[in-house]
Protein backbone atom coordinates (compact mmCIF):
# COMPACT_ATOMS: atom_id res chain seq x y z
CA MET A 1 8.09 28.71 8.73
CA ARG A 2 10.87 31.12 9.24
CA TYR A 3 11.28 30.19 13.00
CA PHE A 4 11.30 26.53 11.93
CA LEU A 5 14.15 26.92 9.28
CA PHE A 6 16.20 29.17 11.75
CA ALA A 7 15.77 26.76 14.54
CA PHE A 8 17.01 23.86 12.42
CA LEU A 9 20.02 25.77 11.14
CA CYS A 10 21.04 26.58 14.67
CA SER A 11 20.62 23.23 15.64
CA LEU A 12 22.82 21.87 12.95
CA VAL A 13 25.56 24.27 14.17
CA LEU A 14 25.17 23.88 17.82
CA CYS A 15 24.52 20.12 18.22
CA PRO A 16 27.69 17.98 18.22
CA ALA A 17 27.81 14.98 15.87
CA ILE A 18 30.41 12.32 14.79
CA TYR A 19 30.52 10.22 11.76
CA ALA A 20 30.62 6.57 10.82
CA SER A 21 34.43 6.61 10.71
CA ASP A 22 34.49 7.19 14.31
CA PRO A 23 34.31 4.48 17.01
CA VAL A 24 30.71 4.28 18.31
CA GLN A 25 30.36 6.80 21.19
CA THR A 26 27.56 7.59 23.70
CA GLY A 27 25.72 10.79 24.50
CA VAL A 28 26.33 12.45 21.05
CA ILE A 29 24.48 12.40 17.70
CA ILE A 30 26.06 10.28 15.12
CA HIS A 31 25.99 10.75 11.44
CA ARG A 32 26.13 7.45 9.38
CA LYS A 33 25.89 6.02 5.94
CA TYR A 34 25.42 2.58 4.63
CA LYS A 35 25.57 1.15 0.99
CA MET A 36 22.19 0.16 -0.26
CA GLU A 37 22.93 -2.71 -2.54
CA GLN A 38 19.69 -2.32 -4.75
CA VAL A 39 20.79 1.04 -5.88
CA GLU A 40 24.71 0.97 -5.16
CA ARG A 41 24.65 4.34 -3.41
CA GLU A 42 25.25 5.36 0.07
CA ILE A 43 22.17 6.32 2.28
CA PRO A 44 22.50 8.37 5.36
CA TYR A 45 20.91 7.80 8.84
CA THR A 46 21.46 9.35 12.15
CA LEU A 47 21.77 7.82 15.72
CA TYR A 48 21.87 8.59 19.40
CA VAL A 49 22.97 6.21 21.95
CA PRO A 50 22.53 7.05 25.76
CA LYS A 51 25.48 7.67 27.84
CA ASN A 52 25.14 4.56 29.97
CA TYR A 53 24.98 2.03 27.20
CA ASP A 54 27.53 -0.49 27.93
CA GLY A 55 26.85 -3.14 25.25
CA LYS A 56 25.82 -5.68 27.68
CA LYS A 57 22.31 -4.57 28.75
CA GLU A 58 19.55 -4.61 26.20
CA LEU A 59 18.01 -1.27 25.58
CA PRO A 60 14.73 -0.19 23.87
CA VAL A 61 14.87 1.68 20.59
CA VAL A 62 12.86 4.18 18.85
CA PHE A 63 13.03 4.65 14.97
CA ALA A 64 11.98 8.19 14.45
CA LEU A 65 10.50 8.82 10.70
CA HIS A 66 10.82 12.42 9.45
CA GLY A 67 8.14 14.51 7.44
CA LEU A 68 7.84 15.30 3.90
CA PHE A 69 10.88 17.44 2.51
CA SER A 70 12.55 16.86 5.96
CA ASN A 71 15.39 14.53 6.70
CA CYS A 72 17.09 12.24 9.19
CA TYR A 73 19.39 15.15 10.32
CA GLN A 74 16.49 17.46 11.31
CA ILE A 75 14.24 15.01 13.12
CA ILE A 76 16.96 13.86 15.55
CA ARG A 77 17.43 17.45 16.34
CA TYR A 78 13.72 18.17 17.01
CA PRO A 79 13.80 20.21 20.39
CA GLY A 80 13.90 17.83 23.46
CA ILE A 81 13.98 14.49 21.50
CA VAL A 82 17.65 13.57 22.32
CA PRO A 83 17.36 14.55 25.95
CA ALA A 84 14.14 12.42 26.24
CA ALA A 85 15.98 9.38 24.80
CA GLU A 86 18.81 9.99 27.41
CA LYS A 87 16.47 10.62 30.23
CA HIS A 88 14.42 7.39 29.43
CA ASN A 89 17.38 5.34 28.37
CA PHE A 90 16.40 4.67 24.78
CA ILE A 91 18.45 4.22 21.57
CA LEU A 92 17.16 6.74 19.17
CA VAL A 93 17.54 6.27 15.28
CA ALA A 94 16.38 8.22 12.28
CA PRO A 95 16.46 6.65 9.03
CA MET A 96 16.31 8.66 5.84
CA GLY A 97 13.77 6.69 3.97
CA TYR A 98 15.92 6.62 0.88
CA ASN A 99 15.14 10.55 0.37
CA ASN A 100 12.84 13.24 1.66
CA GLN A 101 9.70 12.27 -0.03
CA GLY A 102 9.52 8.47 -0.21
CA TRP A 103 6.55 8.15 2.17
CA TYR A 104 8.15 4.90 3.54
CA GLY A 105 6.21 2.85 0.99
CA MET A 106 2.86 4.02 2.07
CA TYR A 107 1.51 4.42 -1.37
CA GLY A 108 3.12 1.15 -2.70
CA LYS A 109 6.41 0.07 -4.37
CA GLU A 110 5.77 2.37 -7.41
CA LYS A 111 3.85 5.61 -7.76
CA SER A 112 3.28 7.68 -10.86
CA GLY A 113 5.69 10.50 -11.02
CA ASP A 114 8.06 9.26 -8.50
CA LYS A 115 11.77 9.40 -9.12
CA PRO A 116 13.20 6.81 -9.16
CA LYS A 117 9.84 5.04 -10.27
CA ASN A 118 10.29 2.45 -7.31
CA LEU A 119 10.82 5.05 -4.73
CA GLY A 120 8.14 3.75 -2.44
CA GLU A 121 9.95 0.32 -2.36
CA LEU A 122 13.26 2.01 -1.65
CA SER A 123 11.89 4.16 1.05
CA GLU A 124 10.39 1.31 2.91
CA ARG A 125 13.34 -0.91 2.31
CA ASP A 126 15.79 1.66 3.67
CA VAL A 127 13.79 1.68 7.07
CA ILE A 128 14.01 -2.01 7.18
CA ASN A 129 17.73 -2.11 6.28
CA VAL A 130 18.52 0.41 8.97
CA MET A 131 16.49 -1.55 11.54
CA THR A 132 18.53 -4.53 10.68
CA ILE A 133 21.80 -2.84 10.98
CA ILE A 134 20.83 -1.44 14.52
CA ARG A 135 19.59 -4.80 15.63
CA LYS A 136 22.92 -6.57 14.73
CA GLU A 137 25.26 -3.99 16.03
CA PHE A 138 23.61 -3.06 19.32
CA LYS A 139 22.15 -4.78 22.35
CA VAL A 140 18.63 -3.94 21.61
CA ASP A 141 15.54 -5.34 23.57
CA ALA A 142 13.64 -6.97 20.73
CA GLN A 143 10.44 -6.77 22.85
CA ARG A 144 10.62 -2.97 22.99
CA ILE A 145 10.98 -1.44 19.40
CA TYR A 146 8.98 1.57 18.72
CA LEU A 147 8.17 4.06 15.93
CA TYR A 148 7.74 7.80 16.21
CA GLY A 149 6.65 9.61 13.10
CA HIS A 150 5.77 13.25 12.31
CA SER A 151 3.51 14.05 9.33
CA MET A 152 4.63 11.93 6.45
CA GLY A 153 6.54 9.96 9.02
CA GLY A 154 3.31 9.46 10.84
CA GLY A 155 1.70 7.99 7.72
CA GLY A 156 4.85 5.86 7.34
CA SER A 157 4.55 4.58 10.92
CA PHE A 158 1.02 3.54 10.38
CA HIS A 159 2.12 1.81 7.03
CA LEU A 160 4.90 0.09 8.70
CA LEU A 161 2.87 -1.15 11.61
CA SER A 162 0.34 -2.54 9.35
CA LYS A 163 2.85 -4.43 7.12
CA TYR A 164 5.19 -5.64 9.93
CA PRO A 165 2.88 -6.04 12.92
CA ASP A 166 5.51 -8.37 14.53
CA GLN A 167 8.03 -5.76 14.82
CA PHE A 168 6.76 -2.76 17.02
CA ALA A 169 5.61 -2.71 20.55
CA ALA A 170 4.08 0.65 19.94
CA ILE A 171 3.93 3.67 17.68
CA ALA A 172 3.44 7.32 18.41
CA THR A 173 2.57 9.75 15.75
CA VAL A 174 2.08 13.45 15.53
CA ALA A 175 -0.13 14.91 12.66
CA PRO A 176 -0.06 11.63 10.74
CA ALA A 177 -0.54 11.97 7.08
CA PHE A 178 -2.05 8.77 6.68
CA PHE A 179 -3.93 9.48 3.46
CA VAL A 180 -4.84 6.01 2.10
CA SER A 181 -8.20 4.20 1.79
CA GLY A 182 -9.15 1.54 4.17
CA ARG A 183 -6.90 3.03 6.93
CA GLY A 184 -8.31 1.28 9.78
CA GLN A 185 -8.54 -2.01 8.04
CA ARG A 186 -4.81 -2.11 7.43
CA LEU A 187 -4.38 -2.23 11.16
CA LYS A 188 -6.43 -5.25 11.80
CA ASP A 189 -3.52 -7.56 12.33
CA SER A 190 -1.70 -5.29 14.75
CA THR A 191 -2.19 -5.35 18.56
CA SER A 192 0.28 -2.69 19.28
CA PRO A 193 -0.91 0.53 21.21
CA ILE A 194 -1.13 3.55 19.11
CA MET A 195 -0.63 7.27 20.17
CA ILE A 196 -1.74 10.20 17.95
CA ILE A 197 -1.11 13.82 18.75
CA GLN A 198 -2.89 16.38 16.70
CA GLY A 199 -3.14 20.17 16.68
CA THR A 200 -6.46 21.72 16.04
CA LYS A 201 -5.05 24.49 13.80
CA ASP A 202 -2.73 22.34 11.64
CA VAL A 203 -3.17 23.56 7.96
CA LEU A 204 -1.28 20.56 6.57
CA VAL A 205 -3.09 17.67 8.38
CA ASN A 206 -6.59 18.71 8.83
CA ILE A 207 -8.06 17.87 12.38
CA THR A 208 -11.05 16.12 10.88
CA VAL A 209 -9.03 13.62 9.02
CA THR A 210 -7.17 12.71 12.16
CA ARG A 211 -10.38 12.57 14.13
CA SER A 212 -11.92 10.24 11.72
CA LEU A 213 -8.66 8.09 11.72
CA VAL A 214 -9.08 7.81 15.66
CA LYS A 215 -12.58 6.55 15.22
CA GLU A 216 -11.66 4.05 12.76
CA ILE A 217 -9.03 2.66 15.01
CA GLU A 218 -11.41 2.60 17.99
CA GLN A 219 -13.98 0.90 16.01
CA LEU A 220 -11.58 -2.09 15.65
CA GLU A 221 -11.12 -2.12 19.41
CA LYS A 222 -7.57 -1.19 19.23
CA ASP A 223 -5.57 0.68 22.12
CA VAL A 224 -5.37 4.21 20.84
CA ARG A 225 -4.46 7.12 22.86
CA TYR A 226 -5.45 10.61 21.41
CA ILE A 227 -4.04 14.02 22.58
CA GLU A 228 -5.69 16.96 20.76
CA VAL A 229 -3.79 20.25 21.11
CA ASP A 230 -6.16 23.15 21.14
CA GLY A 231 -4.70 25.81 18.84
CA GLY A 232 -1.74 23.75 17.90
CA GLY A 233 -0.21 23.83 14.37
CA HIS A 234 1.80 21.38 12.42
CA LEU A 235 5.24 21.84 13.97
CA LYS A 236 5.15 22.69 17.70
CA PRO A 237 3.08 19.71 18.87
CA ALA A 238 5.70 17.42 17.20
CA TRP A 239 8.46 18.17 19.96
CA SER A 240 6.12 19.27 22.81
CA TYR A 241 5.02 15.88 24.35
CA TRP A 242 8.17 13.89 24.78
CA ASN A 243 7.33 12.74 28.39
CA GLU A 244 4.02 11.55 27.31
CA ILE A 245 5.41 9.71 24.32
CA PHE A 246 8.20 7.98 26.20
CA ASN A 247 6.07 7.16 29.15
CA PHE A 248 3.68 5.64 26.61
CA TYR A 249 6.43 3.53 25.13
CA LYS A 250 7.42 2.27 28.43
CA THR A 251 3.89 0.82 29.00
CA ALA A 252 4.08 -1.30 25.94
CA LYS A 253 6.07 -4.41 25.53
CA ARG A 254 5.65 -7.19 23.10
CA SER A 255 5.00 -10.72 24.60
CA GLU A 256 7.73 -12.22 22.20
CA LYS A 257 11.00 -10.80 20.76
CA ALA A 258 10.54 -9.21 17.31
CA PRO A 259 12.45 -11.26 14.78
CA LEU A 260 15.08 -9.61 12.56
CA PRO A 261 12.99 -7.55 10.00
CA ALA A 262 12.88 -8.77 6.25
CA PHE A 263 11.51 -6.52 3.56
CA LYS A 264 8.23 -7.99 2.17
């Protein structure tokens, strides 16, 4: 944990960033905010646009969902994720999910103990809002929109795939904290390929829980690709398989363009 915190503090200092008041630039992490109408407050998100983006050619986009008590600033600085997006020519976007513990709506619009009480709704709505902003501003290939999620973000990725199956060409998750009943059945309407990466020594997301999730998905005859990391914990597998993840994305493309997302 000390290494994790130290690495992120260093990345915050060493990795360049610009802010929403600046013109859109390529090849640099961008910090942004937008005003969420439902709560009349500004919500942050982060963005990386590859260097050869010219506003003419459509590019694929990955929306990266952070884990519990993390944020959009940290996940876009996971070691190797920005170089991978640049190498494979993807736009990379990290929504906040309203705050650092909203679960992207996985537990419903309202959950006992949440602050505000409709945190689940706001968390999910934030992702949809950011997706819409990016779709309207940038030349995005609407047949190649992807999710990446770590831990809570992995659970959120499964939830969003199940609720908006017309949006995503594929999802990739690491140590997905998809702790809800009827997990497999939630995915019955989705045809998108799924990648799951899991460490055998993860103390936060138990290996047996993830193995059972993989079996549930396989029983539905879905395309699921599973990488089990022998001895892997909760953190390092999250940034150790970018080539596998981006190459997996590049094999998946929707037959039709995804419509602009609308919160349900």
